[in-house]
Protein backbone atom coordinates (compact mmCIF):
# COMPACT_ATOMS: atom_id res chain seq x y z
CA MET A 1 104.05 335.86 180.86
CA ASN A 2 105.13 332.41 181.91
CA GLN A 3 104.46 331.75 185.35
CA ALA A 4 106.26 328.43 185.81
CA PRO A 5 110.02 328.38 186.33
CA ILE A 6 111.65 328.53 182.72
CA ASP A 7 114.40 326.09 183.26
CA ARG A 8 111.70 323.39 184.06
CA THR A 9 110.17 323.69 180.85
CA ALA A 10 110.26 321.19 177.87
CA ALA A 11 111.86 323.90 175.58
CA TRP A 12 114.63 324.47 178.28
CA THR A 13 115.35 320.81 178.55
CA ARG A 14 115.57 320.48 174.79
CA LEU A 15 118.05 323.22 174.63
CA ALA A 16 120.24 321.90 177.37
CA GLU A 17 120.46 318.59 175.56
CA HIS A 18 121.34 320.28 172.24
CA ALA A 19 123.87 322.44 173.93
CA GLU A 20 126.02 319.43 174.97
CA GLU A 21 126.42 318.74 171.29
CA MET A 22 127.14 322.26 170.35
CA ARG A 23 129.94 322.85 172.69
CA GLN A 24 131.89 320.10 170.92
CA ARG A 25 131.60 322.20 167.37
CA HIS A 26 133.96 324.90 166.73
CA LEU A 27 132.82 328.02 164.72
CA ARG A 28 135.19 327.00 161.81
CA GLU A 29 133.29 323.92 161.39
CA LEU A 30 130.06 325.80 161.29
CA PHE A 31 131.40 328.05 158.35
CA THR A 32 131.70 325.19 156.12
CA ASP A 33 128.17 326.15 155.28
CA ALA A 34 128.68 328.95 152.50
CA SER A 35 125.06 330.28 153.11
CA ARG A 36 125.73 330.76 156.74
CA GLY A 37 126.21 334.40 156.53
CA GLU A 38 122.87 335.11 154.75
CA VAL A 39 120.86 332.69 156.83
CA PHE A 40 121.87 334.53 160.32
CA THR A 41 121.56 338.14 159.09
CA ARG A 42 118.62 340.37 159.13
CA GLU A 43 117.74 344.04 158.30
CA ALA A 44 115.37 346.65 159.68
CA ALA A 45 115.32 350.39 160.33
CA GLY A 46 118.64 351.20 158.97
CA LEU A 47 120.45 348.58 160.68
CA THR A 48 122.01 345.12 159.52
CA LEU A 49 122.32 342.36 162.25
CA ASP A 50 124.86 339.55 161.52
CA LEU A 51 124.52 336.58 164.06
CA SER A 52 126.32 334.16 162.00
CA LYS A 53 129.43 334.27 164.20
CA GLN A 54 127.25 333.03 167.05
CA ARG A 55 127.93 329.41 168.29
CA TRP A 56 124.66 328.07 167.00
CA ASP A 57 123.01 326.44 164.04
CA GLY A 58 119.69 326.46 162.39
CA GLU A 59 118.42 323.67 164.95
CA THR A 60 119.66 326.06 168.07
CA LEU A 61 117.60 328.98 166.84
CA GLU A 62 114.40 326.79 166.15
CA LEU A 63 114.81 325.71 169.89
CA LEU A 64 115.47 329.12 171.09
CA LEU A 65 112.22 330.43 169.10
CA ALA A 66 110.49 327.52 170.79
CA LEU A 67 111.62 328.68 174.28
CA ALA A 68 110.63 332.38 173.43
CA ARG A 69 107.15 331.21 172.51
CA GLU A 70 106.92 328.97 175.70
CA ALA A 71 108.09 331.77 177.75
CA GLY A 72 105.40 334.30 176.35
CA VAL A 73 107.41 336.72 174.36
CA PRO A 74 104.82 337.68 171.73
CA GLU A 75 102.53 338.37 174.70
CA GLY A 76 105.05 340.23 176.42
CA ILE A 77 105.80 342.41 173.49
CA ARG A 78 101.95 343.20 173.05
CA ALA A 79 101.68 343.94 176.96
CA LEU A 80 104.91 346.34 176.80
CA LEU A 81 103.71 348.38 173.73
CA SER A 82 100.03 348.57 174.67
CA GLY A 83 100.61 350.06 178.31
CA GLU A 84 99.89 347.08 180.37
CA HIS A 85 101.44 347.13 183.90
CA VAL A 86 104.56 345.27 182.93
CA ASN A 87 106.52 346.93 185.77
CA VAL A 88 104.64 344.63 188.26
CA SER A 89 106.80 345.46 191.46
CA GLU A 90 105.56 348.94 191.26
CA ASP A 91 102.34 348.33 189.54
CA ARG A 92 102.71 350.74 186.49
CA PRO A 93 103.43 350.37 182.65
CA ALA A 94 106.70 351.07 181.15
CA LEU A 95 106.03 353.33 178.28
CA HIS A 96 109.35 354.73 177.06
CA THR A 97 108.01 353.51 173.65
CA ALA A 98 105.12 356.31 174.13
CA LEU A 99 107.68 359.02 173.99
CA ARG A 100 108.26 358.14 170.47
CA LEU A 101 105.01 357.95 169.16
CA PRO A 102 103.94 360.21 166.34
CA PRO A 103 101.54 362.98 167.03
CA GLU A 104 98.59 361.33 165.17
CA ALA A 105 99.05 358.02 167.12
CA ALA A 106 96.69 357.17 170.14
CA LEU A 107 97.68 354.95 173.21
CA GLU A 108 95.18 354.82 176.06
CA VAL A 109 96.80 353.85 179.33
CA ASP A 110 94.54 353.54 182.44
CA GLY A 111 91.68 355.42 180.81
CA GLU A 112 93.86 358.20 179.28
CA ASP A 113 95.46 359.01 175.76
CA VAL A 114 98.95 359.59 176.79
CA VAL A 115 100.19 360.88 173.45
CA PRO A 116 98.86 364.60 173.63
CA GLY A 117 100.69 364.91 176.92
CA VAL A 118 103.86 363.59 175.17
CA HIS A 119 103.85 365.89 172.43
CA ALA A 120 102.73 368.82 174.75
CA THR A 121 106.08 368.19 176.40
CA LEU A 122 108.08 367.99 173.22
CA ASP A 123 106.45 371.36 171.99
CA ARG A 124 107.31 373.03 175.32
CA MET A 125 110.96 371.71 174.68
CA ALA A 126 110.96 373.16 171.26
CA THR A 127 110.04 376.43 172.45
CA MET A 128 112.98 376.47 175.12
CA VAL A 129 115.50 375.13 172.40
CA GLU A 130 114.39 377.91 170.06
CA ARG A 131 115.10 380.72 172.77
CA PHE A 132 118.43 379.26 173.33
CA HIS A 133 119.31 378.96 169.41
CA ALA A 134 117.98 382.38 168.86
CA ARG A 135 120.09 383.91 171.67
CA GLN A 136 116.84 384.76 173.52
CA TRP A 137 117.32 382.94 176.72
CA ARG A 138 119.68 385.26 178.50
CA GLY A 139 121.25 385.17 182.07
CA ALA A 140 120.47 387.62 184.68
CA THR A 141 122.65 390.31 183.37
CA GLY A 142 121.13 390.02 180.06
CA ARG A 143 123.94 388.09 178.20
CA PRO A 144 122.86 384.95 176.18
CA ILE A 145 123.25 381.71 177.69
CA HIS A 146 126.55 380.01 176.21
CA ASP A 147 127.22 376.98 178.59
CA VAL A 148 124.50 374.76 179.65
CA VAL A 149 125.45 371.99 182.49
CA ASN A 150 123.20 369.08 182.84
CA LEU A 151 123.09 367.92 186.57
CA GLY A 152 121.93 364.52 186.71
CA VAL A 153 123.03 360.81 187.50
CA GLY A 154 122.28 357.39 185.87
CA GLY A 155 119.75 357.48 183.15
CA SER A 156 119.49 361.25 183.64
CA ASP A 157 123.14 361.57 182.48
CA LEU A 158 124.31 358.41 180.40
CA GLY A 159 121.63 358.58 177.88
CA PRO A 160 121.84 362.45 176.98
CA LEU A 161 125.67 362.26 177.30
CA MET A 162 125.89 359.23 174.95
CA VAL A 163 123.62 360.81 172.37
CA THR A 164 125.01 364.36 172.41
CA HIS A 165 128.38 363.05 171.86
CA ALA A 166 127.38 360.77 168.90
CA LEU A 167 125.51 363.31 167.33
CA ALA A 168 127.69 366.32 167.73
CA ASP A 169 128.06 366.59 164.06
CA CYS A 170 124.43 367.26 163.54
CA ARG A 171 124.45 370.62 165.28
CA PRO A 172 122.36 373.06 163.10
CA HIS A 173 124.68 375.66 161.60
CA ASP A 174 122.23 378.54 161.72
CA ALA A 175 121.77 378.34 165.66
CA HIS A 176 123.53 380.15 168.49
CA HIS A 177 126.17 377.92 169.85
CA VAL A 178 125.12 376.34 172.86
CA ASP A 179 127.95 374.08 174.78
CA VAL A 180 126.18 371.39 176.82
CA HIS A 181 128.38 369.83 179.66
CA PHE A 182 127.48 367.03 182.15
CA ALA A 183 128.22 366.58 185.65
CA SER A 184 126.98 363.51 187.66
CA THR A 185 129.43 362.72 190.41
CA MET A 186 128.60 363.46 193.85
CA ASP A 187 132.07 364.33 194.87
CA GLY A 188 131.87 367.62 192.95
CA SER A 189 134.90 366.78 190.68
CA GLN A 190 133.31 367.48 187.42
CA LEU A 191 131.35 370.40 188.48
CA VAL A 192 134.39 372.22 190.40
CA ASP A 193 136.14 372.38 186.93
CA TYR A 194 133.18 373.90 185.25
CA LEU A 195 132.78 376.55 188.13
CA ALA A 196 136.40 377.48 187.67
CA ARG A 197 136.04 378.07 184.03
CA PHE A 198 132.58 379.18 183.19
CA ASN A 199 131.21 382.80 183.27
CA PRO A 200 128.12 382.58 185.72
CA GLU A 201 126.52 385.39 183.42
CA THR A 202 126.29 382.90 180.62
CA THR A 203 125.90 379.63 182.43
CA LEU A 204 122.71 377.77 183.09
CA PHE A 205 121.93 374.45 184.82
CA VAL A 206 119.38 371.86 184.10
CA ILE A 207 118.66 369.83 187.09
CA SER A 208 117.44 366.53 185.71
CA SER A 209 115.81 364.05 188.43
CA LYS A 210 112.87 361.89 188.17
CA SER A 211 112.27 362.01 192.03
CA PHE A 212 113.96 365.42 192.51
CA THR A 213 115.26 363.72 195.65
CA THR A 214 118.55 362.04 194.30
CA ILE A 215 121.37 363.14 196.69
CA ASP A 216 124.07 363.02 194.13
CA THR A 217 122.12 365.36 191.74
CA LEU A 218 120.87 367.80 194.52
CA SER A 219 124.35 368.12 196.05
CA ASN A 220 125.65 369.29 192.84
CA ALA A 221 122.58 371.52 192.30
CA ARG A 222 123.01 373.27 195.56
CA THR A 223 126.74 374.21 194.98
CA ALA A 224 125.90 375.37 191.61
CA ARG A 225 122.93 377.66 193.19
CA ASP A 226 125.45 379.04 195.69
CA TRP A 227 127.85 379.73 193.19
CA LEU A 228 125.70 381.59 190.99
CA LEU A 229 124.27 383.67 193.99
CA ALA A 230 127.60 384.51 195.30
CA ARG A 231 128.99 385.66 191.94
CA LEU A 232 125.81 387.38 190.78
CA VAL A 233 123.96 388.52 193.90
CA GLU A 234 126.45 388.77 196.65
CA ASP A 235 129.08 390.52 194.60
CA GLY A 236 126.49 393.16 194.09
CA ILE A 237 125.82 393.36 190.44
CA GLN A 238 123.15 396.04 190.01
CA GLY A 239 119.62 394.86 189.35
CA VAL A 240 120.27 391.11 189.99
CA ASP A 241 118.43 389.32 192.73
CA GLU A 242 117.82 385.70 193.72
CA GLU A 243 114.51 385.32 192.09
CA MET A 244 116.07 386.56 188.77
CA VAL A 245 118.92 384.42 189.00
CA MET A 246 116.61 381.19 189.63
CA ARG A 247 114.64 382.25 186.76
CA GLN A 248 117.08 382.67 184.15
CA HIS A 249 119.63 380.19 185.20
CA PHE A 250 117.92 376.85 186.14
CA ILE A 251 115.79 374.50 184.37
CA GLY A 252 114.08 371.48 186.17
CA VAL A 253 113.20 368.21 184.59
CA SER A 254 111.30 365.86 186.71
CA ALA A 255 108.28 363.77 187.49
CA LYS A 256 107.83 365.85 190.65
CA PRO A 257 106.60 369.42 189.96
CA ASP A 258 105.80 370.31 193.47
CA LYS A 259 109.53 369.33 194.57
CA MET A 260 110.79 371.46 191.73
CA SER A 261 108.82 374.39 192.78
CA GLU A 262 109.90 374.04 196.48
CA TRP A 263 113.46 374.00 195.24
CA GLY A 264 113.06 377.24 193.44
CA ILE A 265 112.72 376.36 189.88
CA ALA A 266 110.26 378.64 188.07
CA GLU A 267 106.95 376.93 186.88
CA SER A 268 107.77 378.26 183.27
CA ASN A 269 111.21 376.42 183.44
CA GLN A 270 109.88 373.14 184.60
CA LEU A 271 109.58 370.03 182.17
CA LEU A 272 107.70 367.06 183.35
CA PHE A 273 107.94 363.40 182.64
CA TRP A 274 105.86 360.57 183.94
CA GLU A 275 106.13 357.75 186.46
CA TRP A 276 105.79 355.19 183.63
CA VAL A 277 109.06 356.27 182.25
CA GLY A 278 111.95 354.72 183.81
CA GLY A 279 115.12 356.83 184.38
CA ARG A 280 117.09 354.71 182.03
CA TYR A 281 114.68 354.86 179.49
CA SER A 282 114.29 358.60 179.54
CA LEU A 283 116.12 360.07 177.09
CA TRP A 284 113.34 360.12 174.62
CA GLY A 285 111.56 362.92 176.61
CA ALA A 286 112.28 365.83 178.52
CA ILE A 287 115.38 364.28 179.83
CA GLY A 288 116.67 364.80 176.31
CA LEU A 289 116.57 368.45 176.58
CA PRO A 290 120.60 368.81 176.11
CA ILE A 291 120.45 366.28 173.24
CA ALA A 292 117.91 368.93 171.44
CA LEU A 293 120.10 371.82 172.71
CA VAL A 294 122.95 370.26 170.83
CA ILE A 295 121.38 368.79 167.68
CA GLY A 296 118.24 370.84 167.21
CA MET A 297 114.62 369.78 167.92
CA GLN A 298 113.97 368.55 164.34
CA HIS A 299 117.21 366.02 164.52
CA PHE A 300 115.78 365.14 168.08
CA ARG A 301 112.37 364.20 166.26
CA ASP A 302 114.43 362.30 163.70
CA LEU A 303 116.11 360.17 166.76
CA LEU A 304 112.63 359.31 168.03
CA ALA A 305 111.44 358.54 164.56
CA GLY A 306 114.31 355.86 164.25
CA ALA A 307 113.42 354.52 167.64
CA HIS A 308 109.69 354.39 166.63
CA ALA A 309 110.64 352.42 163.32
CA MET A 310 112.42 349.77 165.56
CA ASP A 311 109.48 349.74 167.82
CA ARG A 312 107.15 348.99 164.98
CA HIS A 313 109.67 346.39 163.86
CA PHE A 314 109.53 344.65 167.35
CA GLU A 315 105.89 344.71 167.18
CA GLN A 316 105.13 343.33 163.86
CA ALA A 317 108.01 341.19 162.59
CA ALA A 318 107.72 337.52 163.16
CA LEU A 319 110.00 336.17 166.02
CA GLY A 320 112.32 334.56 163.47
CA ASP A 321 113.18 337.96 161.56
CA ASN A 322 112.69 340.09 164.81
CA LEU A 323 116.19 341.87 165.44
CA PRO A 324 115.56 342.46 169.06
CA VAL A 325 114.15 339.09 169.64
CA LEU A 326 117.04 337.32 167.72
CA LEU A 327 119.91 339.44 169.70
CA ALA A 328 118.09 338.53 172.98
CA LEU A 329 118.07 334.91 172.10
CA ALA A 330 121.72 334.93 171.21
CA GLY A 331 122.30 336.29 174.75
CA ILE A 332 120.15 333.68 176.35
CA TRP A 333 121.99 330.87 174.45
CA ASN A 334 125.39 332.04 175.59
CA VAL A 335 124.47 332.81 179.26
CA ASN A 336 122.31 329.85 179.84
CA PHE A 337 123.48 327.15 177.71
CA ILE A 338 127.05 327.41 176.67
CA ASP A 339 128.21 329.34 179.76
CA ILE A 340 129.45 332.56 178.42
CA ARG A 341 128.65 335.14 181.00
CA ALA A 342 130.85 338.27 180.01
CA HIS A 343 129.72 340.45 177.34
CA SER A 344 132.00 343.21 175.65
CA ILE A 345 130.28 346.22 173.43
CA LEU A 346 132.97 347.43 170.86
CA PRO A 347 132.02 350.35 168.70
CA TYR A 348 134.24 351.01 165.93
CA ASP A 349 133.40 354.75 165.67
CA GLY A 350 134.62 357.54 168.04
CA ARG A 351 131.35 359.05 168.28
CA LEU A 352 130.01 356.06 169.96
CA GLU A 353 132.55 356.33 172.73
CA TYR A 354 129.77 356.48 175.67
CA PHE A 355 127.58 353.55 174.25
CA ALA A 356 129.28 350.75 176.25
CA ALA A 357 128.71 352.94 179.35
CA TYR A 358 125.12 353.52 178.38
CA LEU A 359 124.53 349.73 177.82
CA GLU A 360 126.04 348.81 180.98
CA GLN A 361 123.48 350.73 182.98
CA LEU A 362 120.65 349.57 180.56
CA GLU A 363 121.34 345.93 180.95
CA MET A 364 122.85 345.46 184.29
CA GLU A 365 120.44 347.77 186.15
CA SER A 366 117.45 346.27 184.21
CA ASN A 367 118.46 342.50 184.46
CA GLY A 368 120.78 342.13 187.02
CA LYS A 369 118.02 340.40 189.04
CA SER A 370 118.02 337.24 190.92
CA ALA A 371 114.25 336.91 191.76
CA THR A 372 111.31 336.43 189.38
CA HIS A 373 108.07 338.31 189.01
CA ASP A 374 106.56 336.27 191.95
CA GLY A 375 109.57 336.38 194.44
CA ARG A 376 111.14 333.17 193.70
CA GLN A 377 114.98 333.07 193.59
CA VAL A 378 116.12 332.11 190.05
CA SER A 379 118.16 328.72 189.56
CA TYR A 380 119.66 329.89 186.38
CA SER A 381 121.96 332.89 185.44
CA THR A 382 120.66 336.18 184.41
CA CYS A 383 122.36 339.25 183.12
CA PRO A 384 125.96 338.61 182.16
CA VAL A 385 128.71 341.18 183.24
CA LEU A 386 128.81 343.65 180.50
CA TRP A 387 131.72 346.14 179.63
CA GLY A 388 133.25 347.61 176.83
CA GLN A 389 135.12 350.75 174.88
CA LEU A 390 136.02 352.05 171.56
CA GLY A 391 137.05 348.98 169.63
CA PRO A 392 140.34 350.50 168.14
CA ASN A 393 141.32 351.52 171.61
CA ALA A 394 140.12 348.22 173.13
CA GLN A 395 142.46 346.27 170.70
CA HIS A 396 145.34 347.74 172.76
CA ALA A 397 143.89 347.32 175.98
CA PHE A 398 141.95 344.01 176.57
CA TYR A 399 141.86 342.24 173.38
CA GLN A 400 144.61 339.99 174.50
CA LEU A 401 142.12 338.45 176.70
CA LEU A 402 139.53 338.00 174.25
CA HIS A 403 141.98 336.19 172.10
CA GLN A 404 144.12 334.09 174.49
CA GLY A 405 142.62 334.37 177.84
CA THR A 406 140.86 331.97 180.06
CA GLN A 407 137.65 333.70 180.17
CA PRO A 408 135.19 333.19 177.27
CA VAL A 409 133.63 336.47 176.15
CA VAL A 410 130.90 337.40 173.65
CA CYS A 411 131.34 340.63 171.73
CA ASP A 412 129.17 343.02 169.73
CA PHE A 413 130.97 344.62 167.06
CA ILE A 414 129.04 348.01 166.08
CA ALA A 415 130.14 350.28 162.92
CA PRO A 416 128.61 352.69 160.40
CA LEU A 417 129.24 351.47 156.84
CA ARG A 418 129.70 355.00 155.48
CA ARG A 419 131.34 358.04 156.81
CA TYR A 420 132.87 361.59 155.68
CA ASP A 421 130.67 361.79 152.56
CA ASP A 422 129.90 365.37 153.56
CA VAL A 423 133.51 366.56 154.04
CA GLU A 424 133.88 369.52 151.75
CA ASP A 425 137.54 369.40 150.93
CA ALA A 426 138.24 366.43 148.57
CA ALA A 427 141.74 365.68 149.74
CA THR A 428 140.69 365.79 153.43
CA ARG A 429 137.53 363.68 152.53
CA GLU A 430 139.63 360.85 150.92
CA HIS A 431 142.11 360.75 153.66
CA LEU A 432 139.33 360.38 156.07
CA LYS A 433 137.40 357.78 154.01
CA ALA A 434 140.79 355.69 154.12
CA GLN A 435 140.87 355.92 157.92
CA HIS A 436 137.27 354.74 157.96
CA ARG A 437 138.09 351.86 155.70
CA LEU A 438 141.14 350.92 157.89
CA THR A 439 138.63 351.02 160.87
CA LEU A 440 136.26 348.85 159.09
CA ALA A 441 138.98 346.40 158.35
CA ASN A 442 140.05 346.13 161.82
CA CYS A 443 136.47 345.79 162.98
CA PHE A 444 135.90 342.79 160.49
CA ALA A 445 139.33 341.19 161.30
CA GLN A 446 139.00 341.01 164.96
CA SER A 447 135.73 339.21 164.82
CA ARG A 448 136.90 336.83 162.11
CA LEU A 449 140.05 336.19 164.20
CA LEU A 450 137.93 335.55 167.23
CA MET A 451 135.90 333.07 165.25
CA LEU A 452 138.50 331.04 163.50
CA GLY A 453 141.58 331.31 165.73
CA ASP A 454 144.75 330.04 164.05
CA ASP A 455 142.78 329.01 161.03
CA ALA A 456 142.45 332.65 159.91
CA ILE A 457 146.11 332.68 159.46
CA ASP A 458 147.62 331.23 156.27
CA GLU A 459 150.98 330.27 158.06
CA PRO A 460 152.40 326.78 157.64
CA GLY A 461 153.93 324.90 160.36
CA GLU A 462 153.02 324.39 164.20
CA ARG A 463 152.91 327.70 166.07
CA PRO A 464 154.36 327.99 169.57
CA GLY A 465 151.91 328.09 172.46
CA HIS A 466 152.20 331.59 173.05
CA LYS A 467 151.14 332.39 169.63
CA ARG A 468 148.11 330.21 169.21
CA TYR A 469 144.66 331.45 168.85
CA ARG A 470 141.91 329.09 169.99
CA GLY A 471 139.16 330.98 168.39
CA ASN A 472 135.54 329.80 168.75
CA GLN A 473 134.86 333.10 170.52
CA PRO A 474 131.30 334.25 169.36
CA SER A 475 130.33 337.69 168.27
CA THR A 476 127.57 339.85 166.76
CA THR A 477 128.20 342.36 164.32
CA LEU A 478 125.92 345.30 163.92
CA LEU A 479 126.16 347.62 160.94
CA LEU A 480 124.45 351.00 160.54
CA ASP A 481 123.96 352.43 156.86
CA ARG A 482 125.24 355.80 158.37
CA LEU A 483 125.48 357.08 162.06
CA THR A 484 122.53 359.48 161.94
CA PRO A 485 119.73 360.54 164.47
CA ALA A 486 117.48 357.91 163.14
CA THR A 487 119.77 355.03 162.88
CA LEU A 488 121.33 355.83 166.25
CA GLY A 489 117.49 355.90 167.72
CA ALA A 490 117.03 352.49 166.16
CA LEU A 491 120.29 351.16 167.58
CA ILE A 492 119.29 352.30 171.13
CA ALA A 493 115.73 350.83 170.75
CA LEU A 494 116.84 347.48 169.50
CA TYR A 495 119.05 347.04 172.78
CA GLU A 496 116.01 348.20 175.07
CA HIS A 497 113.78 345.62 173.34
CA LYS A 498 116.50 343.09 173.76
CA VAL A 499 116.73 343.41 177.46
CA PHE A 500 113.03 343.29 177.81
CA VAL A 501 112.72 339.83 175.74
CA GLN A 502 115.54 338.28 177.80
CA ALA A 503 113.70 339.41 181.07
CA THR A 504 110.50 337.94 179.82
CA ILE A 505 112.45 334.71 179.16
CA TRP A 506 114.02 334.64 182.58
CA GLY A 507 110.94 335.80 184.27
CA ILE A 508 112.27 338.89 185.99
CA ASN A 509 111.31 342.68 185.85
CA SER A 510 113.25 344.92 183.94
CA PHE A 511 111.83 348.13 185.00
CA ASP A 512 112.45 348.39 188.67
CA GLN A 513 115.94 348.65 190.70
CA TRP A 514 115.46 347.75 194.05
CA GLY A 515 118.97 346.40 194.39
CA VAL A 516 120.27 349.99 194.58
CA GLU A 517 117.91 351.30 197.27
CA LEU A 518 119.26 349.84 200.21
CA GLY A 519 122.64 351.21 199.67
CA LYS A 520 121.14 354.66 199.40
CA GLN A 521 119.43 354.22 202.68
CA ILE A 522 122.65 352.86 204.45
CA ALA A 523 124.67 355.79 202.81
CA GLY A 524 122.40 358.12 204.33
CA GLU A 525 122.75 356.93 207.77
CA THR A 526 126.30 356.82 207.35
CA GLU A 527 126.56 360.28 206.41
CA ARG A 528 124.68 361.37 209.39
CA ILE A 529 127.12 359.43 211.62
CA LEU A 530 130.17 361.05 209.73
CA ALA A 531 128.72 364.57 210.53
CA GLU A 532 127.59 363.87 214.09
CA HIS A 533 130.69 362.13 215.12
CA GLY A 534 128.93 359.41 217.07
CA GLY A 535 126.65 356.39 216.73
CA HIS A 536 128.80 354.06 215.09
CA GLU A 537 129.31 351.63 217.75
CA GLY A 538 127.05 348.91 216.39
CA MET A 539 128.77 348.93 213.02
CA ASP A 540 131.13 346.22 211.86
CA ALA A 541 134.87 346.63 212.76
CA SER A 542 135.97 347.66 209.15
CA THR A 543 133.22 350.40 208.84
CA ARG A 544 134.08 351.67 212.21
CA ALA A 545 137.62 351.98 211.55
CA LEU A 546 137.12 353.71 208.19
CA ILE A 547 134.77 356.49 209.91
CA GLU A 548 137.23 357.06 212.68
CA ALA A 549 140.01 357.57 209.94
CA VAL A 550 137.73 360.27 208.61
CA TRP A 551 137.15 361.91 212.09
CA ARG A 552 141.06 361.88 212.64
CA MET A 553 141.79 363.57 209.57
CA GLU A 554 139.12 366.12 210.21
CA LYS A 555 140.67 366.72 213.64
CA GLU A 556 144.20 367.11 212.24
CA SER A 557 143.08 369.40 209.55
CA LYS A 558 141.70 371.84 212.04
CA ARG A 559 144.87 372.24 214.10
């Protein structure tokens, strides 16, 4: 990986000079080339990536590819996929890609082939999933489990939540129906709703925490445990004791088996993953248990296969044809050379409702860094501010800013080409297909209008200022053949690798998150002060006043 500051390289300098010229050019001018769409479109693993609406030309792309080579992107790809210690601050590999290797593969890391362990965990997951789907996982009173609540936060929540929602249509028809739910907030607001509605006899909790020390997750887990014990043991259900409740109503997923055992998770109910899997990259393994419970183990393996197909493309394709590399370079160009530092994710498919939230963590926790591998403060921008929601809803929320606001924003439009082919009733199928065409029409129209502005409208005469569209807003369009486990796996892997390529160019580490650690430490100290009603004298005036407001409220509530 490149050791010199990337903004002092010849490739960066050439791009900065080229950017001065490109800032003066409007996208409508670039589209006078009839072949532009074909030139800037690539396909792989069931995805089509159209980058023609980016504010660049062929020379831009060649200069960006030169920057990638100078930054060591090809070497970085090899290092990532071969298990080198690319997570330099924690001195370990980042091997989420190993979680989707096929069983016949081999990957030796630090003297050990990791593939057998990966598939042993998948097989253990499969056994658990089969028990649920066959009505054989029963609660302490002998009734089959119906509701499974995943207790996790961050990567232990967002990935499984996003995928289970996206692939809910893939639920096996011949399996016992298990409803999967998610609780992540430490305030208990999600959990309290479940506890009010669910039957404790048929409810199981999956505690997902890499360290098994995450306070958000363990706070929810303790509340869940107390609820089960109160309803099943203290209320005196005959033959039910605490050991039985813990064995039948809790599964643990962690890299720390000793901590799971200490908490009370039976060894037979423990699923393990490894320190070389980052939380936000962990849905491919044991953290994906909720996904497998919803879509079945075969579809879960299809999800892995789709991601693995993108891994192989990332490894083998030339840089100029490499989807993750091209997507990353478009981001580098926007952030570092034409000063667009806001990025919106806009899926045009309701099944991808949580995809933007998932990418918010993947990108901003990975690349929201300001220090390089060797500790230097960067002198250039890194990760943009990223947000989004379903495109059809966003059209009625924040597209006004995209079209006529003062902040430039780059957008990713994402949609499947085909949908509703499998709806049995012919009339319903045709109505739904018409709705899908309407959705695609909106997706394509919005990106065209962002690109061309007023020129997209065949309307004579001068338009008043409040009706003018400046255009020249860049966007990417990502099309899936269909939204399936395989294409979703490829889509997620595409963004994972994009993040890594950008980090390699910026010289930062995608795989740590030290920025969140100090906040946790201070929160722990503040919690102690709140509980002990003292010790806040050395704090700033604002925090002292806030703490004292809590104490006053507690005092008044006791009257």
